[in-house]
């Protein structure tokens, strides 16, 4: 009796290639399923303008909830736009002209007011009014113990005075 030697390396290589082919097919199937799902959701969003979560809320009968969500989003957008306009308006400053003399006031970020006076396009005077500071409780710092009592720590913040702005 002769013993035949079997080449195991070719069997393992064939089995390994079969496993790789099967994984590749499954991966391809998953990619196709995922791609189809994403395409379907995108087309649905394009048609209705609703995200999948919003579509689910609508299907349950949450029309009022969707309307409230849209109203809230519009309100947020309007507030952001108003804030942007306010920042732009403040940074531009106010201009008052008196013939050839022009006075520009700018509200700076630190609370001070820069006043620039020009005559004939040339700066004649420029100065900065420091803000009035008022004490305010600093909530970012812990309370302090003084004479057996807890006392909040204070900080100085700029306080705008309408009268000063009007009469100066």
Foldseek 3Di string as FASTA:
>chain_A
DDDDDDDVVVVVVVVVVVVVVVVVVVVVVVVVVVVVVVVVQVVVCVVPVDHPVRVVCVVVPNPVVVVVVVVVVVVVVVVVVVVVVVVVVQQQFDWDDDPQKIWGWHQDPQRKIWIFIDGNNHTDDIDIGDFDWDKDFDPVDAFDADPNDTHTDIDIGGDDDPVVVVPD
